PDB file of all heavy atoms in Angstrom:
ATOM      1  N   HIS A   1       0.853  -1.188   0.000  1.00  0.00           N
ATOM      2  CA  HIS A   1       0.000   0.000   0.000  1.00  0.00           C
ATOM      3  C   HIS A   1       0.891   1.241   0.000  1.00  0.00           C
ATOM      4  O   HIS A   1       1.623   1.499   0.945  1.00  0.00           O
ATOM      5  CB  HIS A   1      -0.895  -0.004   1.248  1.00  0.00           C
ATOM      6  CG  HIS A   1      -2.070   0.919   1.149  1.00  0.00           C
ATOM      7  ND1 HIS A   1      -3.220   0.713   1.867  1.00  0.00           N
ATOM      8  CD2 HIS A   1      -2.283   2.045   0.416  1.00  0.00           C
ATOM      9  CE1 HIS A   1      -4.084   1.681   1.591  1.00  0.00           C
ATOM     10  NE2 HIS A   1      -3.523   2.510   0.716  1.00  0.00           N
ATOM     11  N   PHE A   2       0.802   2.006  -1.088  1.00  0.00           N
ATOM     12  CA  PHE A   2       1.608   3.234  -1.197  1.00  0.00           C
ATOM     13  C   PHE A   2       0.960   4.337  -0.342  1.00  0.00           C
ATOM     14  O   PHE A   2      -0.268   4.450  -0.303  1.00  0.00           O
ATOM     15  CB  PHE A   2       1.667   3.675  -2.663  1.00  0.00           C
ATOM     16  CG  PHE A   2       2.441   4.937  -2.901  1.00  0.00           C
ATOM     17  CD1 PHE A   2       3.821   4.903  -3.037  1.00  0.00           C
ATOM     18  CD2 PHE A   2       1.789   6.165  -2.958  1.00  0.00           C
ATOM     19  CE1 PHE A   2       4.544   6.076  -3.249  1.00  0.00           C
ATOM     20  CE2 PHE A   2       2.503   7.329  -3.170  1.00  0.00           C
ATOM     21  CZ  PHE A   2       3.876   7.293  -3.308  1.00  0.00           C
ATOM     22  N   PRO A   3       1.696   5.195   0.367  1.00  0.00           N
ATOM     23  CA  PRO A   3       3.161   5.284   0.372  1.00  0.00           C
ATOM     24  C   PRO A   3       3.833   4.547   1.528  1.00  0.00           C
ATOM     25  O   PRO A   3       5.042   4.461   1.575  1.00  0.00           O
ATOM     26  CB  PRO A   3       3.385   6.784   0.507  1.00  0.00           C
ATOM     27  CG  PRO A   3       2.258   7.246   1.371  1.00  0.00           C
ATOM     28  CD  PRO A   3       1.077   6.397   0.980  1.00  0.00           C
ATOM     29  N   SER A   4       3.036   4.014   2.482  1.00  0.00           N
ATOM     30  CA  SER A   4       3.661   3.423   3.665  1.00  0.00           C
ATOM     31  C   SER A   4       4.412   2.140   3.332  1.00  0.00           C
ATOM     32  O   SER A   4       5.366   1.780   4.002  1.00  0.00           O
ATOM     33  CB  SER A   4       2.606   3.139   4.731  1.00  0.00           C
ATOM     34  OG  SER A   4       1.785   2.049   4.342  1.00  0.00           O
ATOM     35  N   GLY A   5       3.930   1.421   2.299  1.00  0.00           N
ATOM     36  CA  GLY A   5       4.536   0.145   1.948  1.00  0.00           C
ATOM     37  C   GLY A   5       3.989  -1.019   2.743  1.00  0.00           C
ATOM     38  O   GLY A   5       4.333  -2.173   2.480  1.00  0.00           O
ATOM     39  N   SER A   6       3.130  -0.753   3.736  1.00  0.00           N
ATOM     40  CA  SER A   6       2.564  -1.827   4.549  1.00  0.00           C
ATOM     41  C   SER A   6       1.643  -2.699   3.692  1.00  0.00           C
ATOM     42  O   SER A   6       0.819  -2.185   2.938  1.00  0.00           O
ATOM     43  CB  SER A   6       1.782  -1.244   5.722  1.00  0.00           C
ATOM     44  OG  SER A   6       2.620  -0.458   6.538  1.00  0.00           O
ATOM     45  N   PRO A   7       1.752  -4.023   3.784  1.00  0.00           N
ATOM     46  CA  PRO A   7       0.974  -4.903   2.909  1.00  0.00           C
ATOM     47  C   PRO A   7      -0.465  -5.088   3.383  1.00  0.00           C
ATOM     48  O   PRO A   7      -0.738  -5.208   4.580  1.00  0.00           O
ATOM     49  CB  PRO A   7       1.748  -6.221   2.966  1.00  0.00           C
ATOM     50  CG  PRO A   7       2.408  -6.209   4.308  1.00  0.00           C
ATOM     51  CD  PRO A   7       2.731  -4.777   4.609  1.00  0.00           C
ATOM     52  N   GLU A   8      -1.396  -5.148   2.434  1.00  0.00           N
ATOM     53  CA  GLU A   8      -2.807  -5.422   2.693  1.00  0.00           C
ATOM     54  C   GLU A   8      -3.130  -6.838   2.233  1.00  0.00           C
ATOM     55  O   GLU A   8      -2.706  -7.258   1.151  1.00  0.00           O
ATOM     56  CB  GLU A   8      -3.700  -4.441   1.927  1.00  0.00           C
ATOM     57  CG  GLU A   8      -3.391  -2.970   2.146  1.00  0.00           C
ATOM     58  CD  GLU A   8      -4.006  -2.409   3.418  1.00  0.00           C
ATOM     59  OE1 GLU A   8      -4.494  -3.200   4.242  1.00  0.00           O
ATOM     60  OE2 GLU A   8      -3.994  -1.170   3.576  1.00  0.00           O
ATOM     61  N   THR A   9      -3.880  -7.567   3.044  1.00  0.00           N
ATOM     62  CA  THR A   9      -4.337  -8.904   2.672  1.00  0.00           C
ATOM     63  C   THR A   9      -5.837  -8.998   2.940  1.00  0.00           C
ATOM     64  O   THR A   9      -6.276  -8.938   4.092  1.00  0.00           O
ATOM     65  CB  THR A   9      -3.591  -9.996   3.445  1.00  0.00           C
ATOM     66  OG1 THR A   9      -2.188  -9.916   3.151  1.00  0.00           O
ATOM     67  CG2 THR A   9      -4.100 -11.374   3.053  1.00  0.00           C
ATOM     68  N   PHE A  10      -6.590  -9.150   1.863  1.00  0.00           N
ATOM     69  CA  PHE A  10      -8.052  -9.244   1.967  1.00  0.00           C
ATOM     70  C   PHE A  10      -8.561 -10.018   0.766  1.00  0.00           C
ATOM     71  O   PHE A  10      -7.815 -10.278  -0.193  1.00  0.00           O
ATOM     72  CB  PHE A  10      -8.692  -7.858   2.049  1.00  0.00           C
ATOM     73  CG  PHE A  10      -8.457  -6.993   0.844  1.00  0.00           C
ATOM     74  CD1 PHE A  10      -9.388  -6.927  -0.181  1.00  0.00           C
ATOM     75  CD2 PHE A  10      -7.296  -6.237   0.728  1.00  0.00           C
ATOM     76  CE1 PHE A  10      -9.181  -6.133  -1.301  1.00  0.00           C
ATOM     77  CE2 PHE A  10      -7.070  -5.435  -0.387  1.00  0.00           C
ATOM     78  CZ  PHE A  10      -8.010  -5.385  -1.403  1.00  0.00           C
ATOM     79  N   GLU A  11      -9.829 -10.401   0.800  1.00  0.00           N
ATOM     80  CA  GLU A  11     -10.404 -11.137  -0.325  1.00  0.00           C
ATOM     81  C   GLU A  11     -11.853 -10.724  -0.546  1.00  0.00           C
ATOM     82  O   GLU A  11     -12.556 -10.333   0.394  1.00  0.00           O
ATOM     83  CB  GLU A  11     -10.300 -12.642  -0.106  1.00  0.00           C
ATOM     84  CG  GLU A  11     -11.031 -13.169   1.115  1.00  0.00           C
ATOM     85  CD  GLU A  11     -10.728 -14.648   1.359  1.00  0.00           C
ATOM     86  OE1 GLU A  11      -9.835 -15.200   0.696  1.00  0.00           O
ATOM     87  OE2 GLU A  11     -11.395 -15.245   2.222  1.00  0.00           O
ATOM     88  N   ILE A  12     -12.261 -10.783  -1.811  1.00  0.00           N
ATOM     89  CA  ILE A  12     -13.623 -10.485  -2.230  1.00  0.00           C
ATOM     90  C   ILE A  12     -14.242 -11.773  -2.760  1.00  0.00           C
ATOM     91  O   ILE A  12     -13.644 -12.445  -3.610  1.00  0.00           O
ATOM     92  CB  ILE A  12     -13.646  -9.388  -3.303  1.00  0.00           C
ATOM     93  CG1 ILE A  12     -12.988  -8.108  -2.777  1.00  0.00           C
ATOM     94  CG2 ILE A  12     -15.075  -9.106  -3.768  1.00  0.00           C
ATOM     95  CD1 ILE A  12     -12.790  -7.042  -3.847  1.00  0.00           C
ATOM     96  N   ILE A  13     -15.437 -12.118  -2.278  1.00  0.00           N
ATOM     97  CA  ILE A  13     -16.074 -13.389  -2.620  1.00  0.00           C
ATOM     98  C   ILE A  13     -17.439 -13.115  -3.240  1.00  0.00           C
ATOM     99  O   ILE A  13     -18.274 -12.425  -2.647  1.00  0.00           O
ATOM    100  CB  ILE A  13     -16.228 -14.286  -1.378  1.00  0.00           C
ATOM    101  CG1 ILE A  13     -14.863 -14.537  -0.732  1.00  0.00           C
ATOM    102  CG2 ILE A  13     -16.906 -15.595  -1.745  1.00  0.00           C
ATOM    103  CD1 ILE A  13     -14.946 -15.225   0.612  1.00  0.00           C
ATOM    104  N   LEU A  14     -17.668 -13.638  -4.449  1.00  0.00           N
ATOM    105  CA  LEU A  14     -18.959 -13.540  -5.120  1.00  0.00           C
ATOM    106  C   LEU A  14     -19.668 -14.880  -5.001  1.00  0.00           C
ATOM    107  O   LEU A  14     -19.085 -15.933  -5.291  1.00  0.00           O
ATOM    108  CB  LEU A  14     -18.784 -13.176  -6.593  1.00  0.00           C
ATOM    109  CG  LEU A  14     -17.963 -11.915  -6.899  1.00  0.00           C
ATOM    110  CD1 LEU A  14     -17.928 -11.672  -8.410  1.00  0.00           C
ATOM    111  CD2 LEU A  14     -18.513 -10.703  -6.172  1.00  0.00           C
ATOM    112  N   CYS A  15     -20.945 -14.855  -4.583  1.00  0.00           N
ATOM    113  CA  CYS A  15     -21.702 -16.087  -4.341  1.00  0.00           C
ATOM    114  C   CYS A  15     -22.699 -16.341  -5.464  1.00  0.00           C
ATOM    115  O   CYS A  15     -23.363 -15.409  -5.934  1.00  0.00           O
ATOM    116  CB  CYS A  15     -22.450 -15.987  -3.011  1.00  0.00           C
ATOM    117  SG  CYS A  15     -21.373 -15.733  -1.584  1.00  0.00           S
ATOM    118  N   ASP A  16     -22.799 -17.588  -5.881  1.00  0.00           N
ATOM    119  CA  ASP A  16     -23.748 -18.004  -6.910  1.00  0.00           C
ATOM    120  C   ASP A  16     -25.161 -17.897  -6.346  1.00  0.00           C
ATOM    121  O   ASP A  16     -25.500 -18.563  -5.368  1.00  0.00           O
ATOM    122  CB  ASP A  16     -23.440 -19.440  -7.335  1.00  0.00           C
ATOM    123  CG  ASP A  16     -24.279 -19.904  -8.514  1.00  0.00           C
ATOM    124  OD1 ASP A  16     -25.284 -19.245  -8.833  1.00  0.00           O
ATOM    125  OD2 ASP A  16     -23.928 -20.938  -9.114  1.00  0.00           O
ATOM    126  N   GLU A  17     -25.998 -17.072  -6.970  1.00  0.00           N
ATOM    127  CA  GLU A  17     -27.330 -16.808  -6.449  1.00  0.00           C
ATOM    128  C   GLU A  17     -28.208 -18.051  -6.442  1.00  0.00           C
ATOM    129  O   GLU A  17     -29.164 -18.141  -5.657  1.00  0.00           O
ATOM    130  CB  GLU A  17     -27.985 -15.688  -7.266  1.00  0.00           C
ATOM    131  CG  GLU A  17     -29.272 -15.122  -6.664  1.00  0.00           C
ATOM    132  CD  GLU A  17     -30.505 -15.904  -7.068  1.00  0.00           C
ATOM    133  OE1 GLU A  17     -30.516 -16.472  -8.174  1.00  0.00           O
ATOM    134  OE2 GLU A  17     -31.440 -15.954  -6.264  1.00  0.00           O
ATOM    135  N   ASP A  18     -27.908 -19.043  -7.278  1.00  0.00           N
ATOM    136  CA  ASP A  18     -28.679 -20.286  -7.248  1.00  0.00           C
ATOM    137  C   ASP A  18     -28.564 -20.980  -5.896  1.00  0.00           C
ATOM    138  O   ASP A  18     -29.465 -21.730  -5.491  1.00  0.00           O
ATOM    139  CB  ASP A  18     -28.189 -21.244  -8.339  1.00  0.00           C
ATOM    140  CG  ASP A  18     -28.826 -20.945  -9.680  1.00  0.00           C
ATOM    141  OD1 ASP A  18     -29.726 -20.078  -9.724  1.00  0.00           O
ATOM    142  OD2 ASP A  18     -28.433 -21.558 -10.676  1.00  0.00           O
ATOM    143  N   TYR A  19     -27.465 -20.768  -5.206  1.00  0.00           N
ATOM    144  CA  TYR A  19     -27.219 -21.429  -3.927  1.00  0.00           C
ATOM    145  C   TYR A  19     -27.225 -20.463  -2.754  1.00  0.00           C
ATOM    146  O   TYR A  19     -27.241 -20.880  -1.597  1.00  0.00           O
ATOM    147  CB  TYR A  19     -25.881 -22.171  -3.981  1.00  0.00           C
ATOM    148  CG  TYR A  19     -25.849 -23.225  -5.056  1.00  0.00           C
ATOM    149  CD1 TYR A  19     -25.455 -22.917  -6.354  1.00  0.00           C
ATOM    150  CD2 TYR A  19     -26.265 -24.524  -4.785  1.00  0.00           C
ATOM    151  CE1 TYR A  19     -25.452 -23.883  -7.355  1.00  0.00           C
ATOM    152  CE2 TYR A  19     -26.272 -25.497  -5.779  1.00  0.00           C
ATOM    153  CZ  TYR A  19     -25.857 -25.161  -7.064  1.00  0.00           C
ATOM    154  OH  TYR A  19     -25.866 -26.126  -8.054  1.00  0.00           O
ATOM    155  N   TYR A  20     -27.213 -19.165  -3.033  1.00  0.00           N
ATOM    156  CA  TYR A  20     -27.280 -18.132  -1.996  1.00  0.00           C
ATOM    157  C   TYR A  20     -28.362 -17.130  -2.415  1.00  0.00           C
ATOM    158  O   TYR A  20     -28.076 -15.989  -2.751  1.00  0.00           O
ATOM    159  CB  TYR A  20     -25.930 -17.430  -1.841  1.00  0.00           C
ATOM    160  CG  TYR A  20     -24.797 -18.356  -1.474  1.00  0.00           C
ATOM    161  CD1 TYR A  20     -24.097 -19.058  -2.465  1.00  0.00           C
ATOM    162  CD2 TYR A  20     -24.413 -18.543  -0.151  1.00  0.00           C
ATOM    163  CE1 TYR A  20     -23.056 -19.925  -2.141  1.00  0.00           C
ATOM    164  CE2 TYR A  20     -23.371 -19.395   0.184  1.00  0.00           C
ATOM    165  CZ  TYR A  20     -22.700 -20.078  -0.814  1.00  0.00           C
ATOM    166  OH  TYR A  20     -21.666 -20.931  -0.488  1.00  0.00           O
ATOM    167  N   PRO A  21     -29.639 -17.548  -2.393  1.00  0.00           N
ATOM    168  CA  PRO A  21     -30.707 -16.705  -2.933  1.00  0.00           C
ATOM    169  C   PRO A  21     -30.971 -15.475  -2.068  1.00  0.00           C
ATOM    170  O   PRO A  21     -30.753 -15.475  -0.854  1.00  0.00           O
ATOM    171  CB  PRO A  21     -31.918 -17.637  -2.946  1.00  0.00           C
ATOM    172  CG  PRO A  21     -31.611 -18.658  -1.892  1.00  0.00           C
ATOM    173  CD  PRO A  21     -30.134 -18.859  -1.924  1.00  0.00           C
ATOM    174  N   THR A  22     -31.432 -14.413  -2.717  1.00  0.00           N
ATOM    175  CA  THR A  22     -31.788 -13.180  -2.043  1.00  0.00           C
ATOM    176  C   THR A  22     -33.155 -12.715  -2.523  1.00  0.00           C
ATOM    177  O   THR A  22     -33.651 -13.194  -3.541  1.00  0.00           O
ATOM    178  CB  THR A  22     -30.750 -12.073  -2.338  1.00  0.00           C
ATOM    179  OG1 THR A  22     -30.783 -11.769  -3.738  1.00  0.00           O
ATOM    180  CG2 THR A  22     -29.352 -12.502  -1.932  1.00  0.00           C
ATOM    181  N   PRO A  23     -33.787 -11.785  -1.829  1.00  0.00           N
ATOM    182  CA  PRO A  23     -35.129 -11.335  -2.242  1.00  0.00           C
ATOM    183  C   PRO A  23     -35.176 -10.750  -3.642  1.00  0.00           C
ATOM    184  O   PRO A  23     -36.199 -10.842  -4.321  1.00  0.00           O
ATOM    185  CB  PRO A  23     -35.479 -10.277  -1.188  1.00  0.00           C
ATOM    186  CG  PRO A  23     -34.668 -10.628  -0.003  1.00  0.00           C
ATOM    187  CD  PRO A  23     -33.392 -11.184  -0.546  1.00  0.00           C
ATOM    188  N   THR A  24     -34.091 -10.120  -4.091  1.00  0.00           N
ATOM    189  CA  THR A  24     -34.081  -9.480  -5.403  1.00  0.00           C
ATOM    190  C   THR A  24     -33.375 -10.308  -6.468  1.00  0.00           C
ATOM    191  O   THR A  24     -33.268  -9.878  -7.617  1.00  0.00           O
ATOM    192  CB  THR A  24     -33.365  -8.121  -5.311  1.00  0.00           C
ATOM    193  OG1 THR A  24     -32.018  -8.347  -4.895  1.00  0.00           O
ATOM    194  CG2 THR A  24     -34.057  -7.200  -4.323  1.00  0.00           C
ATOM    195  N   ASN A  25     -32.856 -11.468  -6.084  1.00  0.00           N
ATOM    196  CA  ASN A  25     -32.048 -12.330  -6.950  1.00  0.00           C
ATOM    197  C   ASN A  25     -30.694 -11.727  -7.284  1.00  0.00           C
ATOM    198  O   ASN A  25     -29.991 -12.231  -8.163  1.00  0.00           O
ATOM    199  CB  ASN A  25     -32.781 -12.692  -8.248  1.00  0.00           C
ATOM    200  CG  ASN A  25     -34.051 -13.481  -7.985  1.00  0.00           C
ATOM    201  OD1 ASN A  25     -34.108 -14.265  -7.036  1.00  0.00           O
ATOM    202  ND2 ASN A  25     -35.063 -13.277  -8.792  1.00  0.00           N
ATOM    203  N   ASP A  26     -30.308 -10.644  -6.610  1.00  0.00           N
ATOM    204  CA  ASP A  26     -28.961 -10.108  -6.763  1.00  0.00           C
ATOM    205  C   ASP A  26     -27.984 -10.961  -5.965  1.00  0.00           C
ATOM    206  O   ASP A  26     -28.336 -11.545  -4.929  1.00  0.00           O
ATOM    207  CB  ASP A  26     -28.895  -8.669  -6.249  1.00  0.00           C
ATOM    208  CG  ASP A  26     -29.563  -7.701  -7.200  1.00  0.00           C
ATOM    209  OD1 ASP A  26     -30.798  -7.570  -7.155  1.00  0.00           O
ATOM    210  OD2 ASP A  26     -28.838  -7.077  -7.986  1.00  0.00           O
ATOM    211  N   GLY A  27     -26.741 -11.016  -6.438  1.00  0.00           N
ATOM    212  CA  GLY A  27     -25.737 -11.820  -5.781  1.00  0.00           C
ATOM    213  C   GLY A  27     -25.242 -11.221  -4.470  1.00  0.00           C
ATOM    214  O   GLY A  27     -25.244 -10.002  -4.282  1.00  0.00           O
ATOM    215  N   GLU A  28     -24.821 -12.099  -3.584  1.00  0.00           N
ATOM    216  CA  GLU A  28     -24.218 -11.665  -2.328  1.00  0.00           C
ATOM    217  C   GLU A  28     -22.709 -11.542  -2.501  1.00  0.00           C
ATOM    218  O   GLU A  28     -22.091 -12.284  -3.261  1.00  0.00           O
ATOM    219  CB  GLU A  28     -24.522 -12.646  -1.196  1.00  0.00           C
ATOM    220  CG  GLU A  28     -25.969 -12.642  -0.762  1.00  0.00           C
ATOM    221  CD  GLU A  28     -26.158 -13.365   0.560  1.00  0.00           C
ATOM    222  OE1 GLU A  28     -25.488 -14.401   0.781  1.00  0.00           O
ATOM    223  OE2 GLU A  28     -26.967 -12.906   1.369  1.00  0.00           O
ATOM    224  N   ILE A  29     -22.130 -10.592  -1.763  1.00  0.00           N
ATOM    225  CA  ILE A  29     -20.697 -10.326  -1.815  1.00  0.00           C
ATOM    226  C   ILE A  29     -20.151 -10.326  -0.402  1.00  0.00           C
ATOM    227  O   ILE A  29     -20.687  -9.644   0.481  1.00  0.00           O
ATOM    228  CB  ILE A  29     -20.402  -8.956  -2.464  1.00  0.00           C
ATOM    229  CG1 ILE A  29     -21.046  -8.873  -3.849  1.00  0.00           C
ATOM    230  CG2 ILE A  29     -18.905  -8.698  -2.539  1.00  0.00           C
ATOM    231  CD1 ILE A  29     -21.211  -7.465  -4.347  1.00  0.00           C
ATOM    232  N   TYR A  30     -19.100 -11.097  -0.191  1.00  0.00           N
ATOM    233  CA  TYR A  30     -18.391 -11.076   1.086  1.00  0.00           C
ATOM    234  C   TYR A  30     -17.013 -10.461   0.848  1.00  0.00           C
ATOM    235  O   TYR A  30     -16.347 -10.767  -0.145  1.00  0.00           O
ATOM    236  CB  TYR A  30     -18.220 -12.487   1.649  1.00  0.00           C
ATOM    237  CG  TYR A  30     -19.488 -13.114   2.186  1.00  0.00           C
ATOM    238  CD1 TYR A  30     -20.469 -13.608   1.323  1.00  0.00           C
ATOM    239  CD2 TYR A  30     -19.712 -13.222   3.557  1.00  0.00           C
ATOM    240  CE1 TYR A  30     -21.631 -14.183   1.815  1.00  0.00           C
ATOM    241  CE2 TYR A  30     -20.866 -13.806   4.061  1.00  0.00           C
ATOM    242  CZ  TYR A  30     -21.824 -14.286   3.184  1.00  0.00           C
ATOM    243  OH  TYR A  30     -22.976 -14.851   3.663  1.00  0.00           O
ATOM    244  N   VAL A  31     -16.607  -9.594   1.769  1.00  0.00           N
ATOM    245  CA  VAL A  31     -15.249  -9.062   1.748  1.00  0.00           C
ATOM    246  C   VAL A  31     -14.634  -9.373   3.098  1.00  0.00           C
ATOM    247  O   VAL A  31     -15.185  -8.999   4.140  1.00  0.00           O
ATOM    248  CB  VAL A  31     -15.222  -7.546   1.479  1.00  0.00           C
ATOM    249  CG1 VAL A  31     -13.783  -7.059   1.373  1.00  0.00           C
ATOM    250  CG2 VAL A  31     -15.986  -7.210   0.201  1.00  0.00           C
ATOM    251  N   GLN A  32     -13.510 -10.089   3.080  1.00  0.00           N
ATOM    252  CA  GLN A  32     -12.870 -10.520   4.324  1.00  0.00           C
ATOM    253  C   GLN A  32     -11.480  -9.902   4.436  1.00  0.00           C
ATOM    254  O   GLN A  32     -10.733  -9.857   3.451  1.00  0.00           O
ATOM    255  CB  GLN A  32     -12.786 -12.039   4.379  1.00  0.00           C
ATOM    256  CG  GLN A  32     -14.149 -12.730   4.335  1.00  0.00           C
ATOM    257  CD  GLN A  32     -14.094 -14.151   4.851  1.00  0.00           C
ATOM    258  OE1 GLN A  32     -14.777 -14.513   5.785  1.00  0.00           O
ATOM    259  NE2 GLN A  32     -13.268 -14.977   4.236  1.00  0.00           N
ATOM    260  N   TYR A  33     -11.151  -9.478   5.655  1.00  0.00           N
ATOM    261  CA  TYR A  33      -9.879  -8.814   5.927  1.00  0.00           C
ATOM    262  C   TYR A  33      -9.088  -9.669   6.907  1.00  0.00           C
ATOM    263  O   TYR A  33      -9.482  -9.816   8.068  1.00  0.00           O
ATOM    264  CB  TYR A  33     -10.128  -7.417   6.502  1.00  0.00           C
ATOM    265  CG  TYR A  33     -10.910  -6.530   5.563  1.00  0.00           C
ATOM    266  CD1 TYR A  33     -12.310  -6.558   5.556  1.00  0.00           C
ATOM    267  CD2 TYR A  33     -10.266  -5.692   4.665  1.00  0.00           C
ATOM    268  CE1 TYR A  33     -13.038  -5.764   4.679  1.00  0.00           C
ATOM    269  CE2 TYR A  33     -10.984  -4.890   3.775  1.00  0.00           C
ATOM    270  CZ  TYR A  33     -12.366  -4.938   3.791  1.00  0.00           C
ATOM    271  OH  TYR A  33     -13.084  -4.154   2.920  1.00  0.00           O
ATOM    272  N   LEU A  34      -7.984 -10.236   6.401  1.00  0.00           N
ATOM    273  CA  LEU A  34      -7.140 -11.030   7.283  1.00  0.00           C
ATOM    274  C   LEU A  34      -6.460 -10.138   8.309  1.00  0.00           C
ATOM    275  O   LEU A  34      -6.280 -10.522   9.462  1.00  0.00           O
ATOM    276  CB  LEU A  34      -6.096 -11.801   6.470  1.00  0.00           C
ATOM    277  CG  LEU A  34      -5.272 -12.835   7.237  1.00  0.00           C
ATOM    278  CD1 LEU A  34      -6.173 -13.930   7.808  1.00  0.00           C
ATOM    279  CD2 LEU A  34      -4.208 -13.451   6.337  1.00  0.00           C
ATOM    280  N   VAL A  35      -6.093  -8.940   7.886  1.00  0.00           N
ATOM    281  CA  VAL A  35      -5.534  -7.937   8.800  1.00  0.00           C
ATOM    282  C   VAL A  35      -6.290  -6.632   8.594  1.00  0.00           C
ATOM    283  O   VAL A  35      -6.886  -6.406   7.540  1.00  0.00           O
ATOM    284  CB  VAL A  35      -4.020  -7.716   8.552  1.00  0.00           C
ATOM    285  CG1 VAL A  35      -3.244  -8.971   8.893  1.00  0.00           C
ATOM    286  CG2 VAL A  35      -3.763  -7.300   7.109  1.00  0.00           C
ATOM    287  N   GLU A  36      -6.276  -5.770   9.613  1.00  0.00           N
ATOM    288  CA  GLU A  36      -6.960  -4.497   9.499  1.00  0.00           C
ATOM    289  C   GLU A  36      -6.299  -3.629   8.433  1.00  0.00           C
ATOM    290  O   GLU A  36      -5.165  -3.881   8.013  1.00  0.00           O
ATOM    291  CB  GLU A  36      -6.933  -3.774  10.838  1.00  0.00           C
ATOM    292  CG  GLU A  36      -5.541  -3.381  11.301  1.00  0.00           C
ATOM    293  CD  GLU A  36      -5.568  -2.662  12.637  1.00  0.00           C
ATOM    294  OE1 GLU A  36      -6.657  -2.362  13.143  1.00  0.00           O
ATOM    295  OE2 GLU A  36      -4.473  -2.406  13.185  1.00  0.00           O
ATOM    296  N   GLN A  37      -7.000  -2.590   7.990  1.00  0.00           N
ATOM    297  CA  GLN A  37      -6.458  -1.686   6.983  1.00  0.00           C
ATOM    298  C   GLN A  37      -5.141  -1.069   7.474  1.00  0.00           C
ATOM    299  O   GLN A  37      -5.055  -0.595   8.603  1.00  0.00           O
ATOM    300  CB  GLN A  37      -7.453  -0.565   6.687  1.00  0.00           C
ATOM    301  CG  GLN A  37      -8.794  -1.054   6.173  1.00  0.00           C
ATOM    302  CD  GLN A  37      -9.751   0.107   5.971  1.00  0.00           C
ATOM    303  OE1 GLN A  37      -9.858   0.651   4.888  1.00  0.00           O
ATOM    304  NE2 GLN A  37     -10.464   0.483   7.009  1.00  0.00           N
ATOM    305  N   GLN A  38      -4.159  -1.073   6.589  1.00  0.00           N
ATOM    306  CA  GLN A  38      -2.842  -0.572   6.970  1.00  0.00           C
ATOM    307  C   GLN A  38      -2.723   0.937   6.784  1.00  0.00           C
ATOM    308  O   GLN A  38      -1.812   1.551   7.337  1.00  0.00           O
ATOM    309  CB  GLN A  38      -1.764  -1.281   6.148  1.00  0.00           C
ATOM    310  CG  GLN A  38      -1.730  -2.788   6.366  1.00  0.00           C
ATOM    311  CD  GLN A  38      -1.505  -3.167   7.823  1.00  0.00           C
ATOM    312  OE1 GLN A  38      -0.437  -2.908   8.385  1.00  0.00           O
ATOM    313  NE2 GLN A  38      -2.514  -3.763   8.451  1.00  0.00           N
ATOM    314  N   GLN A  39      -3.623   1.523   6.003  1.00  0.00           N
ATOM    315  CA  GLN A  39      -3.695   2.973   5.853  1.00  0.00           C
ATOM    316  C   GLN A  39      -5.159   3.390   5.882  1.00  0.00           C
ATOM    317  O   GLN A  39      -6.058   2.563   5.649  1.00  0.00           O
ATOM    318  CB  GLN A  39      -3.051   3.435   4.539  1.00  0.00           C
ATOM    319  CG  GLN A  39      -1.546   3.325   4.524  1.00  0.00           C
ATOM    320  CD  GLN A  39      -0.921   3.798   3.220  1.00  0.00           C
ATOM    321  OE1 GLN A  39       0.155   3.376   2.845  1.00  0.00           O
ATOM    322  NE2 GLN A  39      -1.587   4.701   2.515  1.00  0.00           N
ATOM    323  N   LEU A  40      -5.404   4.652   6.178  1.00  0.00           N
ATOM    324  CA  LEU A  40      -6.775   5.116   6.373  1.00  0.00           C
ATOM    325  C   LEU A  40      -7.184   6.163   5.350  1.00  0.00           C
ATOM    326  O   LEU A  40      -8.141   6.910   5.569  1.00  0.00           O
ATOM    327  CB  LEU A  40      -6.927   5.672   7.796  1.00  0.00           C
ATOM    328  CG  LEU A  40      -6.625   4.664   8.918  1.00  0.00           C
ATOM    329  CD1 LEU A  40      -6.770   5.323  10.276  1.00  0.00           C
ATOM    330  CD2 LEU A  40      -7.529   3.441   8.812  1.00  0.00           C
ATOM    331  N   ASP A  41      -6.490   6.212   4.202  1.00  0.00           N
ATOM    332  CA  ASP A  41      -6.840   7.165   3.152  1.00  0.00           C
ATOM    333  C   ASP A  41      -7.408   6.436   1.946  1.00  0.00           C
ATOM    334  O   ASP A  41      -7.038   6.690   0.806  1.00  0.00           O
ATOM    335  CB  ASP A  41      -5.624   7.998   2.754  1.00  0.00           C
ATOM    336  CG  ASP A  41      -4.466   7.145   2.251  1.00  0.00           C
ATOM    337  OD1 ASP A  41      -4.456   5.934   2.534  1.00  0.00           O
ATOM    338  OD2 ASP A  41      -3.576   7.693   1.577  1.00  0.00           O
ATOM    339  N   ASN A  42      -8.312   5.495   2.181  1.00  0.00           N
ATOM    340  CA  ASN A  42      -8.854   4.667   1.106  1.00  0.00           C
ATOM    341  C   ASN A  42     -10.365   4.558   1.229  1.00  0.00           C
ATOM    342  O   ASN A  42     -10.990   5.152   2.107  1.00  0.00           O
ATOM    343  CB  ASN A  42      -8.204   3.283   1.125  1.00  0.00           C
ATOM    344  CG  ASN A  42      -8.122   2.694   2.517  1.00  0.00           C
ATOM    345  OD1 ASN A  42      -7.094   2.849   3.184  1.00  0.00           O
ATOM    346  ND2 ASN A  42      -9.176   2.049   3.000  1.00  0.00           N
ATOM    347  N   THR A  43     -10.976   3.771   0.314  1.00  0.00           N
ATOM    348  CA  THR A  43     -12.427   3.621   0.247  1.00  0.00           C
ATOM    349  C   THR A  43     -12.809   2.146   0.349  1.00  0.00           C
ATOM    350  O   THR A  43     -12.191   1.299  -0.292  1.00  0.00           O
ATOM    351  CB  THR A  43     -12.983   4.197  -1.072  1.00  0.00           C
ATOM    352  OG1 THR A  43     -12.641   5.580  -1.154  1.00  0.00           O
ATOM    353  CG2 THR A  43     -14.494   4.052  -1.155  1.00  0.00           C
ATOM    354  N   VAL A  44     -13.850   1.880   1.135  1.00  0.00           N
ATOM    355  CA  VAL A  44     -14.436   0.542   1.255  1.00  0.00           C
ATOM    356  C   VAL A  44     -15.931   0.670   0.995  1.00  0.00           C
ATOM    357  O   VAL A  44     -16.603   1.496   1.626  1.00  0.00           O
ATOM    358  CB  VAL A  44     -14.196  -0.057   2.653  1.00  0.00           C
ATOM    359  CG1 VAL A  44     -14.915  -1.398   2.789  1.00  0.00           C
ATOM    360  CG2 VAL A  44     -12.710  -0.212   2.931  1.00  0.00           C
TER     361      VAL A  44
END
């Protein structure tokens, strides 16, 4: 992560709506953070 150089480790997961149904049939998204954000000048 520029400029500090501290590494970020996270993952974005898209779920198949056939197996993870929702009221609108839109897909579910999971975002997982193995470590907290290394800088605070970003967007989530």
